[in-house]
PDB file of N, CA and C in Angstrom:
ATOM      1  N   MET A   1      10.913  -6.514  14.371  1.00  0.00           N
ATOM      2  CA  MET A   1      11.522  -5.736  12.872  1.00  0.00           C
ATOM      3  C   MET A   1      11.770  -4.589  13.221  1.00  0.00           C
ATOM      4  N   TYR A   2      12.816  -4.278  12.913  1.00  0.00           N
ATOM      5  CA  TYR A   2      13.538  -3.117  12.842  1.00  0.00           C
ATOM      6  C   TYR A   2      14.445  -2.317  11.756  1.00  0.00           C
ATOM      7  N   VAL A   3      14.253  -1.770  11.058  1.00  0.00           N
ATOM      8  CA  VAL A   3      15.086  -1.196  10.214  1.00  0.00           C
ATOM      9  C   VAL A   3      15.806  -0.147  10.744  1.00  0.00           C
ATOM     10  N   ASP A   4      17.112   0.009  10.937  1.00  0.00           N
ATOM     11  CA  ASP A   4      18.587   0.733  11.092  1.00  0.00           C
ATOM     12  C   ASP A   4      19.603   0.902   9.973  1.00  0.00           C
ATOM     13  N   ASN A   5      19.220   2.206   9.511  1.00  0.00           N
ATOM     14  CA  ASN A   5      20.295   2.632   8.196  1.00  0.00           C
ATOM     15  C   ASN A   5      19.893   1.695   7.187  1.00  0.00           C
ATOM     16  N   GLY A   6      18.820   1.577   6.726  1.00  0.00           N
ATOM     17  CA  GLY A   6      18.719   0.538   5.455  1.00  0.00           C
ATOM     18  C   GLY A   6      18.816  -0.964   5.759  1.00  0.00           C
ATOM     19  N   LYS A   7      19.293  -1.383   6.977  1.00  0.00           N
ATOM     20  CA  LYS A   7      19.542  -2.688   7.494  1.00  0.00           C
ATOM     21  C   LYS A   7      17.883  -3.071   8.073  1.00  0.00           C
ATOM     22  N   VAL A   8      17.733  -4.419   7.639  1.00  0.00           N
ATOM     23  CA  VAL A   8      16.616  -4.848   8.451  1.00  0.00           C
ATOM     24  C   VAL A   8      17.284  -5.791   9.584  1.00  0.00           C
ATOM     25  N   LYS A   9      16.474  -5.375  10.650  1.00  0.00           N
ATOM     26  CA  LYS A   9      16.938  -6.313  11.983  1.00  0.00           C
ATOM     27  C   LYS A   9      15.842  -7.191  12.590  1.00  0.00           C
ATOM     28  N   LYS A  10      16.328  -8.020  12.929  1.00  0.00           N
ATOM     29  CA  LYS A  10      15.026  -9.423  13.546  1.00  0.00           C
ATOM     30  C   LYS A  10      15.157  -9.313  15.094  1.00  0.00           C
ATOM     31  N   TYR A  11      14.037  -9.043  15.541  1.00  0.00           N
ATOM     32  CA  TYR A  11      14.296  -9.511  16.675  1.00  0.00           C
ATOM     33  C   TYR A  11      12.796 -10.545  17.362  1.00  0.00           C
ATOM     34  N   GLU A  12      12.821 -11.368  18.087  1.00  0.00           N
ATOM     35  CA  GLU A  12      11.709 -12.033  18.272  1.00  0.00           C
ATOM     36  C   GLU A  12      12.019 -11.832  20.077  1.00  0.00           C
ATOM     37  N   HIS A  13      10.558 -12.398  20.520  1.00  0.00           N
ATOM     38  CA  HIS A  13      10.349 -12.282  22.044  1.00  0.00           C
ATOM     39  C   HIS A  13      11.269 -11.421  22.859  1.00  0.00           C
ATOM     40  N   ILE A  14      10.940 -10.016  22.399  1.00  0.00           N
ATOM     41  CA  ILE A  14      11.742  -8.679  23.384  1.00  0.00           C
ATOM     42  C   ILE A  14      10.548  -8.260  23.925  1.00  0.00           C
ATOM     43  N   ALA A  15       9.409  -8.402  23.756  1.00  0.00           N
ATOM     44  CA  ALA A  15       8.332  -7.354  24.406  1.00  0.00           C
ATOM     45  C   ALA A  15       7.177  -8.199  24.601  1.00  0.00           C
ATOM     46  N   ASP A  16       6.914  -8.169  25.788  1.00  0.00           N
ATOM     47  CA  ASP A  16       5.371  -8.820  26.682  1.00  0.00           C
ATOM     48  C   ASP A  16       4.568  -7.701  25.963  1.00  0.00           C
ATOM     49  N   ALA A  17       3.434  -8.190  26.562  1.00  0.00           N
ATOM     50  CA  ALA A  17       2.094  -7.237  26.568  1.00  0.00           C
ATOM     51  C   ALA A  17       1.315  -8.019  27.090  1.00  0.00           C
ATOM     52  N   LYS A  18       0.955  -6.830  28.155  1.00  0.00           N
ATOM     53  CA  LYS A  18      -0.500  -6.823  29.139  1.00  0.00           C
ATOM     54  C   LYS A  18      -1.495  -5.942  28.980  1.00  0.00           C
ATOM     55  N   ILE A  19      -2.698  -6.079  29.295  1.00  0.00           N
ATOM     56  CA  ILE A  19      -3.525  -4.896  28.982  1.00  0.00           C
ATOM     57  C   ILE A  19      -4.000  -4.350  30.180  1.00  0.00           C
ATOM     58  N   ASN A  20      -3.944  -3.106  30.562  1.00  0.00           N
ATOM     59  CA  ASN A  20      -4.487  -2.608  31.696  1.00  0.00           C
ATOM     60  C   ASN A  20      -5.792  -1.867  31.245  1.00  0.00           C
ATOM     61  N   TYR A  21      -7.049  -2.632  31.844  1.00  0.00           N
ATOM     62  CA  TYR A  21      -8.104  -2.198  31.557  1.00  0.00           C
ATOM     63  C   TYR A  21      -8.350  -1.233  31.974  1.00  0.00           C
ATOM     64  N   LYS A  22      -8.171  -0.626  32.865  1.00  0.00           N
ATOM     65  CA  LYS A  22      -8.603   0.597  33.988  1.00  0.00           C
ATOM     66  C   LYS A  22      -8.387   1.827  32.594  1.00  0.00           C
ATOM     67  N   LYS A  23      -7.482   1.770  32.133  1.00  0.00           N
ATOM     68  CA  LYS A  23      -6.325   2.817  31.545  1.00  0.00           C
ATOM     69  C   LYS A  23      -6.416   2.349  30.255  1.00  0.00           C
ATOM     70  N   ASP A  24      -6.466   1.669  29.698  1.00  0.00           N
ATOM     71  CA  ASP A  24      -7.343   1.178  28.214  1.00  0.00           C
ATOM     72  C   ASP A  24      -5.871   1.444  27.101  1.00  0.00           C
ATOM     73  N   VAL A  25      -4.912   0.769  28.230  1.00  0.00           N
ATOM     74  CA  VAL A  25      -3.648   0.917  27.083  1.00  0.00           C
ATOM     75  C   VAL A  25      -2.899  -0.654  27.221  1.00  0.00           C
ATOM     76  N   VAL A  26      -1.917  -0.794  26.839  1.00  0.00           N
ATOM     77  CA  VAL A  26      -1.160  -2.177  26.536  1.00  0.00           C
ATOM     78  C   VAL A  26       0.197  -1.434  27.500  1.00  0.00           C
ATOM     79  N   ILE A  27       0.733  -2.521  28.137  1.00  0.00           N
ATOM     80  CA  ILE A  27       2.095  -2.325  28.819  1.00  0.00           C
ATOM     81  C   ILE A  27       2.833  -3.246  28.610  1.00  0.00           C
ATOM     82  N   CYS A  28       4.129  -2.934  28.193  1.00  0.00           N
ATOM     83  CA  CYS A  28       5.027  -3.295  28.055  1.00  0.00           C
ATOM     84  C   CYS A  28       6.516  -3.460  28.677  1.00  0.00           C
ATOM     85  N   SER A  29       6.830  -4.797  29.468  1.00  0.00           N
ATOM     86  CA  SER A  29       7.594  -4.437  30.804  1.00  0.00           C
ATOM     87  C   SER A  29       9.246  -5.449  30.346  1.00  0.00           C
ATOM     88  N   THR A  30       9.000  -5.895  28.929  1.00  0.00           N
ATOM     89  CA  THR A  30      10.699  -6.415  29.128  1.00  0.00           C
ATOM     90  C   THR A  30      11.137  -5.766  28.097  1.00  0.00           C
ATOM     91  N   VAL A  31      10.797  -4.873  27.493  1.00  0.00           N
ATOM     92  CA  VAL A  31      11.555  -4.175  26.291  1.00  0.00           C
ATOM     93  C   VAL A  31      12.614  -3.282  26.962  1.00  0.00           C
ATOM     94  N   ASN A  32      13.463  -2.765  26.405  1.00  0.00           N
ATOM     95  CA  ASN A  32      14.755  -2.216  27.015  1.00  0.00           C
ATOM     96  C   ASN A  32      14.208  -0.646  26.547  1.00  0.00           C
ATOM     97  N   ARG A  33      13.798   0.221  27.351  1.00  0.00           N
ATOM     98  CA  ARG A  33      13.112   1.612  27.374  1.00  0.00           C
ATOM     99  C   ARG A  33      14.285   2.193  26.854  1.00  0.00           C
ATOM    100  N   GLU A  34      15.634   2.286  26.922  1.00  0.00           N
ATOM    101  CA  GLU A  34      16.065   2.991  26.370  1.00  0.00           C
ATOM    102  C   GLU A  34      16.558   3.450  24.608  1.00  0.00           C
ATOM    103  N   LYS A  35      16.601   1.718  23.985  1.00  0.00           N
ATOM    104  CA  LYS A  35      16.528   1.444  22.807  1.00  0.00           C
ATOM    105  C   LYS A  35      15.343   1.545  21.954  1.00  0.00           C
ATOM    106  N   TRP A  36      13.796   1.093  22.604  1.00  0.00           N
ATOM    107  CA  TRP A  36      13.070   1.232  21.863  1.00  0.00           C
ATOM    108  C   TRP A  36      12.118   2.340  22.320  1.00  0.00           C
ATOM    109  N   SER A  37      11.925   3.390  22.978  1.00  0.00           N
ATOM    110  CA  SER A  37      11.363   4.831  23.358  1.00  0.00           C
ATOM    111  C   SER A  37      11.873   5.551  22.468  1.00  0.00           C
ATOM    112  N   SER A  38      10.837   6.413  22.090  1.00  0.00           N
ATOM    113  CA  SER A  38      10.678   7.639  20.721  1.00  0.00           C
ATOM    114  C   SER A  38      11.938   8.109  20.541  1.00  0.00           C
ATOM    115  N   PRO A  39      12.694   8.726  19.865  1.00  0.00           N
ATOM    116  CA  PRO A  39      13.714   9.404  19.910  1.00  0.00           C
ATOM    117  C   PRO A  39      13.198  10.664  20.580  1.00  0.00           C
ATOM    118  N   LYS A  40      14.427  11.113  21.064  1.00  0.00           N
ATOM    119  CA  LYS A  40      14.421  12.659  22.357  1.00  0.00           C
ATOM    120  C   LYS A  40      13.058  13.746  22.018  1.00  0.00           C
ATOM    121  N   ASP A  41      13.580  14.012  20.411  1.00  0.00           N
ATOM    122  CA  ASP A  41      12.842  15.294  19.512  1.00  0.00           C
ATOM    123  C   ASP A  41      11.460  14.798  19.739  1.00  0.00           C
ATOM    124  N   SER A  42      10.662  13.788  19.853  1.00  0.00           N
ATOM    125  CA  SER A  42       9.373  13.545  19.528  1.00  0.00           C
ATOM    126  C   SER A  42       8.939  13.152  21.058  1.00  0.00           C
ATOM    127  N   ARG A  43       9.375  13.200  22.071  1.00  0.00           N
ATOM    128  CA  ARG A  43       9.200  12.511  23.281  1.00  0.00           C
ATOM    129  C   ARG A  43       8.020  13.828  23.539  1.00  0.00           C
ATOM    130  N   SER A  44       7.863  14.760  23.304  1.00  0.00           N
ATOM    131  CA  SER A  44       6.847  15.657  23.874  1.00  0.00           C
ATOM    132  C   SER A  44       5.139  15.398  23.387  1.00  0.00           C
ATOM    133  N   LEU A  45       5.179  14.119  22.397  1.00  0.00           N
ATOM    134  CA  LEU A  45       4.199  13.551  21.866  1.00  0.00           C
ATOM    135  C   LEU A  45       4.444  12.132  22.145  1.00  0.00           C
ATOM    136  N   PHE A  46       5.264  11.297  22.624  1.00  0.00           N
ATOM    137  CA  PHE A  46       5.261   9.979  23.246  1.00  0.00           C
ATOM    138  C   PHE A  46       6.246  10.188  24.306  1.00  0.00           C
ATOM    139  N   PRO A  47       6.174  10.141  25.773  1.00  0.00           N
ATOM    140  CA  PRO A  47       7.284  10.406  26.111  1.00  0.00           C
ATOM    141  C   PRO A  47       8.272   8.904  26.625  1.00  0.00           C
ATOM    142  N   SER A  48       9.211   8.931  27.107  1.00  0.00           N
ATOM    143  CA  SER A  48      10.018   7.966  27.232  1.00  0.00           C
ATOM    144  C   SER A  48       9.340   6.803  28.160  1.00  0.00           C
ATOM    145  N   GLY A  49       9.061   5.826  27.331  1.00  0.00           N
ATOM    146  CA  GLY A  49       8.626   4.191  28.064  1.00  0.00           C
ATOM    147  C   GLY A  49       7.320   4.078  27.361  1.00  0.00           C
ATOM    148  N   VAL A  50       6.884   5.032  26.356  1.00  0.00           N
ATOM    149  CA  VAL A  50       5.749   4.791  25.644  1.00  0.00           C
ATOM    150  C   VAL A  50       6.199   4.397  24.353  1.00  0.00           C
ATOM    151  N   PHE A  51       5.906   3.135  23.907  1.00  0.00           N
ATOM    152  CA  PHE A  51       6.437   2.457  22.920  1.00  0.00           C
ATOM    153  C   PHE A  51       5.517   2.588  21.487  1.00  0.00           C
ATOM    154  N   HIS A  52       4.808   3.766  21.256  1.00  0.00           N
ATOM    155  CA  HIS A  52       3.840   3.322  20.863  1.00  0.00           C
ATOM    156  C   HIS A  52       4.184   3.677  18.654  1.00  0.00           C
ATOM    157  N   GLU A  53       5.064   4.566  19.184  1.00  0.00           N
ATOM    158  CA  GLU A  53       5.746   4.627  17.752  1.00  0.00           C
ATOM    159  C   GLU A  53       6.101   3.323  17.293  1.00  0.00           C
ATOM    160  N   ASN A  54       6.793   2.625  17.899  1.00  0.00           N
ATOM    161  CA  ASN A  54       7.389   1.074  17.775  1.00  0.00           C
ATOM    162  C   ASN A  54       6.310  -0.061  17.764  1.00  0.00           C
ATOM    163  N   ASP A  55       5.032   0.057  17.765  1.00  0.00           N
ATOM    164  CA  ASP A  55       3.660  -0.927  17.771  1.00  0.00           C
ATOM    165  C   ASP A  55       4.503  -2.103  16.943  1.00  0.00           C
ATOM    166  N   ILE A  56       4.406  -1.547  15.642  1.00  0.00           N
ATOM    167  CA  ILE A  56       4.994  -2.527  14.311  1.00  0.00           C
ATOM    168  C   ILE A  56       6.066  -3.252  14.261  1.00  0.00           C
ATOM    169  N   SER A  57       7.033  -2.860  14.947  1.00  0.00           N
ATOM    170  CA  SER A  57       8.017  -3.219  15.262  1.00  0.00           C
ATOM    171  C   SER A  57       8.241  -3.778  16.049  1.00  0.00           C
ATOM    172  N   LEU A  58       7.944  -4.001  17.465  1.00  0.00           N
ATOM    173  CA  LEU A  58       7.722  -4.495  18.476  1.00  0.00           C
ATOM    174  C   LEU A  58       6.675  -5.722  18.153  1.00  0.00           C
ATOM    175  N   TYR A  59       5.818  -5.753  17.501  1.00  0.00           N
ATOM    176  CA  TYR A  59       4.767  -7.047  17.650  1.00  0.00           C
ATOM    177  C   TYR A  59       4.805  -7.586  16.035  1.00  0.00           C
ATOM    178  N   TYR A  60       5.462  -7.178  15.478  1.00  0.00           N
ATOM    179  CA  TYR A  60       5.345  -7.703  13.919  1.00  0.00           C
ATOM    180  C   TYR A  60       5.348  -9.021  13.633  1.00  0.00           C
ATOM    181  N   TYR A  61       6.061  -9.973  14.180  1.00  0.00           N
ATOM    182  CA  TYR A  61       6.136 -11.624  14.112  1.00  0.00           C
ATOM    183  C   TYR A  61       4.408 -11.761  14.617  1.00  0.00           C
ATOM    184  N   ASN A  62       4.206 -11.022  15.863  1.00  0.00           N
ATOM    185  CA  ASN A  62       2.784 -11.591  16.404  1.00  0.00           C
ATOM    186  C   ASN A  62       1.985 -11.195  15.421  1.00  0.00           C
ATOM    187  N   LEU A  63       1.947  -9.879  14.944  1.00  0.00           N
ATOM    188  CA  LEU A  63       0.407  -9.243  13.818  1.00  0.00           C
ATOM    189  C   LEU A  63       0.642 -10.280  12.886  1.00  0.00           C
ATOM    190  N   ARG A  64       1.670 -10.653  12.326  1.00  0.00           N
ATOM    191  CA  ARG A  64       1.994 -11.690  11.237  1.00  0.00           C
ATOM    192  C   ARG A  64       1.232 -12.937  11.459  1.00  0.00           C
ATOM    193  N   GLN A  65       1.967 -13.411  12.406  1.00  0.00           N
ATOM    194  CA  GLN A  65       0.822 -14.696  12.906  1.00  0.00           C
ATOM    195  C   GLN A  65      -0.541 -14.537  12.828  1.00  0.00           C
ATOM    196  N   ASN A  66      -0.930 -13.684  13.715  1.00  0.00           N
ATOM    197  CA  ASN A  66      -2.474 -13.355  14.178  1.00  0.00           C
ATOM    198  C   ASN A  66      -2.928 -12.918  12.761  1.00  0.00           C
ATOM    199  N   ALA A  67      -2.356 -11.953  11.405  1.00  0.00           N
ATOM    200  CA  ALA A  67      -3.485 -12.183  10.132  1.00  0.00           C
ATOM    201  C   ALA A  67      -3.331 -13.337   9.520  1.00  0.00           C
ATOM    202  N   GLN A  68      -2.368 -14.215   9.947  1.00  0.00           N
ATOM    203  CA  GLN A  68      -2.520 -15.502   8.933  1.00  0.00           C
ATOM    204  C   GLN A  68      -3.455 -16.270   9.473  1.00  0.00           C
ATOM    205  N   GLY A  69      -3.709 -16.562  10.890  1.00  0.00           N
ATOM    206  CA  GLY A  69      -4.472 -17.408  11.470  1.00  0.00           C
ATOM    207  C   GLY A  69      -6.276 -16.579  11.138  1.00  0.00           C
ATOM    208  N   ARG A  70      -6.213 -15.708  11.143  1.00  0.00           N
ATOM    209  CA  ARG A  70      -7.358 -14.963  11.015  1.00  0.00           C
ATOM    210  C   ARG A  70      -7.811 -15.389   9.667  1.00  0.00           C
ATOM    211  N   CYS A  71      -6.939 -15.370   8.406  1.00  0.00           N
ATOM    212  CA  CYS A  71      -7.326 -15.743   7.310  1.00  0.00           C
ATOM    213  C   CYS A  71      -7.726 -17.104   6.887  1.00  0.00           C
ATOM    214  N   GLU A  72      -6.959 -17.583   7.536  1.00  0.00           N
ATOM    215  CA  GLU A  72      -7.041 -19.476   7.272  1.00  0.00           C
ATOM    216  C   GLU A  72      -8.093 -19.712   8.344  1.00  0.00           C
ATOM    217  N   GLU A  73      -8.734 -19.229   9.275  1.00  0.00           N
ATOM    218  CA  GLU A  73      -9.936 -19.642   9.500  1.00  0.00           C
ATOM    219  C   GLU A  73     -11.160 -18.924   8.850  1.00  0.00           C
ATOM    220  N   TYR A  74     -11.278 -17.631   8.472  1.00  0.00           N
ATOM    221  CA  TYR A  74     -11.894 -17.129   7.626  1.00  0.00           C
ATOM    222  C   TYR A  74     -12.177 -18.228   6.303  1.00  0.00           C
ATOM    223  N   PHE A  75     -11.022 -18.562   5.782  1.00  0.00           N
ATOM    224  CA  PHE A  75     -11.305 -19.471   4.409  1.00  0.00           C
ATOM    225  C   PHE A  75     -11.725 -20.914   4.922  1.00  0.00           C
ATOM    226  N   LYS A  76     -11.558 -21.304   6.047  1.00  0.00           N
ATOM    227  CA  LYS A  76     -11.955 -22.780   6.816  1.00  0.00           C
ATOM    228  C   LYS A  76     -13.508 -22.637   7.033  1.00  0.00           C
ATOM    229  N   LEU A  77     -13.901 -21.379   7.318  1.00  0.00           N
ATOM    230  CA  LEU A  77     -15.550 -21.180   7.532  1.00  0.00           C
ATOM    231  C   LEU A  77     -15.938 -20.719   6.209  1.00  0.00           C
ATOM    232  N   ASN A  78     -15.428 -20.374   5.261  1.00  0.00           N
ATOM    233  CA  ASN A  78     -16.029 -19.865   3.644  1.00  0.00           C
ATOM    234  C   ASN A  78     -16.046 -20.105   2.823  1.00  0.00           C
ATOM    235  N   SER A  79     -15.409 -21.646   2.690  1.00  0.00           N
ATOM    236  CA  SER A  79     -15.185 -22.511   1.516  1.00  0.00           C
ATOM    237  C   SER A  79     -16.119 -23.289   1.474  1.00  0.00           C
ATOM    238  N   LYS A  80     -16.503 -23.527   0.497  1.00  0.00           N
ATOM    239  CA  LYS A  80     -17.687 -24.529  -0.125  1.00  0.00           C
ATOM    240  C   LYS A  80     -17.053 -25.053  -1.132  1.00  0.00           C
TER     241      LYS A  80
END
């Protein structure tokens, strides 16, 4: 999910995620690098190809699904 000029745009299945355990980072190889890299004025902090600034936008639906599943599992195990 992404907000552009006050309008919410929904994107699904655009970003993969693979863990590089040697570097302790998540690698995303499917997203459009030009569209999702940090703005040029903040690239000293997040160079082109670093999508950290867009973590929530890129993985919003996955995070939402994960949170829902965790809550359901918690209540299943802790309800009496």
